[in-house]
C-alpha cells in the first residue's frame, strides 16, 4: 500500500487512541495491541499531552516506541501503520 492510498484510507478512520496528560508512555501497550489487529491506527494528542513539544515530535516519538511508521500528522492527530 503506497502513501497516497494509506492517507485516503486514514481519512475515514475514527480516532481509537487518545494521548492525554499521562503522556505517550501510557498508550504504548494499547497502540501496540491495536497495530497488531489493524494496519492503520489514528491517534489524537490532547492539549495536556502536547505540553513541551509539537504534535509531530510526539507522534514521531510514539511511532518509534511501537516500531510503527507515521503516515500523516494533521492538526493534533496522527496516523500510524505497521
N, C-alpha and C. Protein backbone atom coordinates (compact mmCIF):
# COMPACT_ATOMS: atom_id res chain seq x y z
N UNK A 1 0.84 -1.17 0.00
CA UNK A 1 0.00 0.00 0.00
C UNK A 1 0.90 1.25 0.00
N UNK A 2 0.67 2.17 -0.93
CA UNK A 2 1.51 3.36 -1.01
C UNK A 2 0.98 4.47 -0.07
N UNK A 3 1.75 5.56 0.04
CA UNK A 3 1.41 6.65 0.96
C UNK A 3 0.05 7.27 0.64
N UNK A 4 -0.21 7.53 -0.64
CA UNK A 4 -1.48 8.16 -1.01
C UNK A 4 -2.66 7.28 -0.64
N UNK A 5 -2.52 5.99 -0.88
CA UNK A 5 -3.59 5.05 -0.56
C UNK A 5 -3.82 5.00 0.96
N UNK A 6 -2.73 4.99 1.73
CA UNK A 6 -2.86 4.97 3.19
C UNK A 6 -3.52 6.25 3.68
N UNK A 7 -3.15 7.40 3.12
CA UNK A 7 -3.76 8.67 3.53
C UNK A 7 -5.25 8.68 3.22
N UNK A 8 -5.63 8.13 2.06
CA UNK A 8 -7.05 8.07 1.70
C UNK A 8 -7.82 7.21 2.70
N UNK A 9 -7.26 6.05 3.02
CA UNK A 9 -7.93 5.15 3.98
C UNK A 9 -7.97 5.77 5.37
N UNK A 10 -6.92 6.48 5.74
CA UNK A 10 -6.84 7.09 7.07
C UNK A 10 -7.89 8.18 7.26
N UNK A 11 -8.26 8.84 6.19
CA UNK A 11 -9.22 9.94 6.27
C UNK A 11 -10.52 9.51 6.94
N UNK A 12 -10.99 8.31 6.67
CA UNK A 12 -12.27 7.84 7.20
C UNK A 12 -12.15 7.09 8.53
N UNK A 13 -10.94 6.95 9.03
CA UNK A 13 -10.74 6.24 10.31
C UNK A 13 -11.22 7.09 11.49
N UNK A 14 -11.73 6.42 12.49
CA UNK A 14 -12.03 7.09 13.76
C UNK A 14 -10.79 7.04 14.63
N UNK A 15 -10.65 8.03 15.50
CA UNK A 15 -9.56 8.03 16.48
C UNK A 15 -9.84 6.90 17.48
N UNK A 16 -8.84 6.05 17.71
CA UNK A 16 -9.02 4.95 18.67
C UNK A 16 -8.02 5.00 19.82
N UNK A 17 -7.04 5.92 19.73
CA UNK A 17 -6.07 6.09 20.82
C UNK A 17 -5.97 7.58 21.12
N UNK A 18 -6.16 7.94 22.40
CA UNK A 18 -6.04 9.33 22.82
C UNK A 18 -4.86 9.44 23.77
N UNK A 19 -3.97 10.41 23.50
CA UNK A 19 -2.84 10.67 24.37
C UNK A 19 -3.18 11.91 25.18
N UNK A 20 -3.24 11.75 26.51
CA UNK A 20 -3.61 12.85 27.39
C UNK A 20 -2.48 13.24 28.32
N UNK A 21 -2.86 13.71 29.52
CA UNK A 21 -1.85 14.24 30.45
C UNK A 21 -0.89 13.18 30.95
N UNK A 22 -1.24 11.90 30.83
CA UNK A 22 -0.33 10.84 31.26
C UNK A 22 0.80 10.61 30.25
N UNK A 23 0.68 11.23 29.09
CA UNK A 23 1.75 11.16 28.09
C UNK A 23 1.73 9.90 27.25
N UNK A 24 2.73 9.78 26.39
CA UNK A 24 2.75 8.67 25.44
C UNK A 24 3.09 7.32 26.10
N UNK A 25 3.79 7.36 27.24
CA UNK A 25 4.11 6.10 27.93
C UNK A 25 2.84 5.30 28.24
N UNK A 26 1.77 6.02 28.55
CA UNK A 26 0.54 5.35 28.99
C UNK A 26 -0.24 4.69 27.85
N UNK A 27 0.13 4.99 26.59
CA UNK A 27 -0.63 4.41 25.47
C UNK A 27 0.18 3.44 24.62
N UNK A 28 1.43 3.23 24.95
CA UNK A 28 2.30 2.36 24.15
C UNK A 28 1.72 0.95 24.00
N UNK A 29 1.31 0.35 25.12
CA UNK A 29 0.78 -1.02 25.06
C UNK A 29 -0.52 -1.08 24.25
N UNK A 30 -1.41 -0.12 24.48
CA UNK A 30 -2.69 -0.09 23.75
C UNK A 30 -2.45 0.08 22.25
N UNK A 31 -1.55 0.98 21.88
CA UNK A 31 -1.26 1.19 20.46
C UNK A 31 -0.64 -0.05 19.84
N UNK A 32 0.25 -0.71 20.58
CA UNK A 32 0.85 -1.97 20.10
C UNK A 32 -0.24 -3.00 19.81
N UNK A 33 -1.18 -3.14 20.75
CA UNK A 33 -2.28 -4.09 20.57
C UNK A 33 -3.12 -3.76 19.34
N UNK A 34 -3.44 -2.48 19.18
CA UNK A 34 -4.27 -2.09 18.04
C UNK A 34 -3.54 -2.28 16.71
N UNK A 35 -2.24 -2.00 16.69
CA UNK A 35 -1.47 -2.18 15.45
C UNK A 35 -1.32 -3.67 15.10
N UNK A 36 -1.43 -4.53 16.11
CA UNK A 36 -1.38 -5.97 15.85
C UNK A 36 -2.66 -6.44 15.16
N UNK A 37 -3.76 -5.74 15.44
CA UNK A 37 -5.07 -6.13 14.89
C UNK A 37 -5.44 -5.43 13.60
N UNK A 38 -4.91 -4.24 13.37
CA UNK A 38 -5.27 -3.50 12.15
C UNK A 38 -4.05 -2.79 11.60
N UNK A 39 -4.10 -2.45 10.32
CA UNK A 39 -2.90 -1.89 9.70
C UNK A 39 -2.75 -0.38 9.89
N UNK A 40 -3.85 0.34 10.15
CA UNK A 40 -3.77 1.78 10.40
C UNK A 40 -4.48 2.13 11.70
N UNK A 41 -3.86 3.01 12.49
CA UNK A 41 -4.47 3.46 13.74
C UNK A 41 -4.33 4.98 13.82
N UNK A 42 -5.45 5.64 14.16
CA UNK A 42 -5.45 7.09 14.29
C UNK A 42 -5.32 7.45 15.77
N UNK A 43 -4.36 8.37 16.05
CA UNK A 43 -4.04 8.78 17.41
C UNK A 43 -4.26 10.28 17.56
N UNK A 44 -4.98 10.67 18.61
CA UNK A 44 -5.23 12.09 18.89
C UNK A 44 -4.40 12.52 20.09
N UNK A 45 -3.69 13.64 19.93
CA UNK A 45 -2.88 14.19 21.02
C UNK A 45 -3.64 15.36 21.64
N UNK A 46 -4.15 15.14 22.86
CA UNK A 46 -4.91 16.18 23.56
C UNK A 46 -3.97 17.27 24.05
N UNK A 47 -4.53 18.42 24.38
CA UNK A 47 -3.72 19.59 24.76
C UNK A 47 -2.72 19.26 25.87
N UNK A 48 -3.14 18.51 26.88
CA UNK A 48 -2.25 18.18 28.00
C UNK A 48 -1.05 17.37 27.56
N UNK A 49 -1.18 16.58 26.50
CA UNK A 49 -0.09 15.74 26.02
C UNK A 49 0.92 16.52 25.19
N UNK A 50 0.49 17.67 24.67
CA UNK A 50 1.36 18.43 23.76
C UNK A 50 2.27 19.41 24.47
N UNK A 51 2.14 19.54 25.78
CA UNK A 51 2.97 20.48 26.53
C UNK A 51 4.45 20.15 26.31
N UNK A 52 5.20 21.14 25.91
CA UNK A 52 6.64 20.95 25.76
C UNK A 52 7.06 20.30 24.45
N UNK A 53 6.20 20.26 23.47
CA UNK A 53 6.61 19.70 22.17
C UNK A 53 5.48 19.77 21.16
N UNK A 54 5.83 19.63 19.91
CA UNK A 54 4.82 19.67 18.85
C UNK A 54 4.17 18.30 18.68
N UNK A 55 3.03 18.30 18.05
CA UNK A 55 2.34 17.04 17.76
C UNK A 55 3.23 16.15 16.91
N UNK A 56 3.93 16.75 15.94
CA UNK A 56 4.81 15.97 15.06
C UNK A 56 5.90 15.27 15.85
N UNK A 57 6.51 15.99 16.80
CA UNK A 57 7.56 15.40 17.64
C UNK A 57 7.01 14.26 18.50
N UNK A 58 5.87 14.51 19.12
CA UNK A 58 5.26 13.49 19.98
C UNK A 58 4.86 12.26 19.16
N UNK A 59 4.30 12.49 17.98
CA UNK A 59 3.87 11.38 17.12
C UNK A 59 5.08 10.55 16.67
N UNK A 60 6.16 11.22 16.29
CA UNK A 60 7.37 10.52 15.86
C UNK A 60 7.94 9.69 17.01
N UNK A 61 7.95 10.24 18.21
CA UNK A 61 8.45 9.53 19.39
C UNK A 61 7.59 8.29 19.67
N UNK A 62 6.27 8.46 19.62
CA UNK A 62 5.37 7.34 19.86
C UNK A 62 5.54 6.26 18.79
N UNK A 63 5.64 6.66 17.54
CA UNK A 63 5.83 5.70 16.44
C UNK A 63 7.11 4.90 16.65
N UNK A 64 8.19 5.58 17.07
CA UNK A 64 9.45 4.88 17.35
C UNK A 64 9.28 3.84 18.45
N UNK A 65 8.56 4.21 19.49
CA UNK A 65 8.39 3.31 20.64
C UNK A 65 7.61 2.04 20.30
N UNK A 66 6.73 2.13 19.32
CA UNK A 66 5.93 0.94 18.96
C UNK A 66 6.39 0.33 17.64
N UNK A 67 7.54 0.82 17.14
CA UNK A 67 8.10 0.30 15.89
C UNK A 67 7.10 0.41 14.74
N UNK A 68 6.49 1.59 14.62
CA UNK A 68 5.49 1.83 13.58
C UNK A 68 5.96 2.95 12.67
N UNK A 69 5.31 3.05 11.53
CA UNK A 69 5.56 4.15 10.62
C UNK A 69 4.50 5.20 10.81
N UNK A 70 4.84 6.42 10.41
CA UNK A 70 3.91 7.54 10.53
C UNK A 70 3.40 7.87 9.13
N UNK A 71 2.10 7.72 8.91
CA UNK A 71 1.51 8.02 7.60
C UNK A 71 1.39 9.52 7.42
N UNK A 72 0.82 10.18 8.43
CA UNK A 72 0.49 11.59 8.29
C UNK A 72 0.21 12.18 9.67
N UNK A 73 0.46 13.48 9.81
CA UNK A 73 0.08 14.22 11.01
C UNK A 73 -0.66 15.46 10.54
N UNK A 74 -1.88 15.61 11.03
CA UNK A 74 -2.68 16.79 10.69
C UNK A 74 -3.28 17.35 11.96
N UNK A 75 -3.06 18.62 12.17
CA UNK A 75 -3.55 19.22 13.42
C UNK A 75 -2.92 18.50 14.59
N UNK A 76 -3.74 17.91 15.43
CA UNK A 76 -3.23 17.20 16.61
C UNK A 76 -3.52 15.71 16.51
N UNK A 77 -3.64 15.22 15.28
CA UNK A 77 -3.95 13.82 15.03
C UNK A 77 -2.88 13.22 14.14
N UNK A 78 -2.49 11.98 14.46
CA UNK A 78 -1.50 11.27 13.65
C UNK A 78 -2.06 9.91 13.27
N UNK A 79 -1.60 9.41 12.13
CA UNK A 79 -1.99 8.07 11.68
C UNK A 79 -0.72 7.23 11.59
N UNK A 80 -0.76 6.06 12.21
CA UNK A 80 0.40 5.17 12.23
C UNK A 80 0.06 3.83 11.60
N UNK A 81 1.10 3.18 11.10
CA UNK A 81 0.92 1.86 10.46
C UNK A 81 2.06 0.96 10.85
N UNK A 82 1.82 -0.32 10.66
CA UNK A 82 2.90 -1.30 10.89
C UNK A 82 2.86 -2.29 9.76
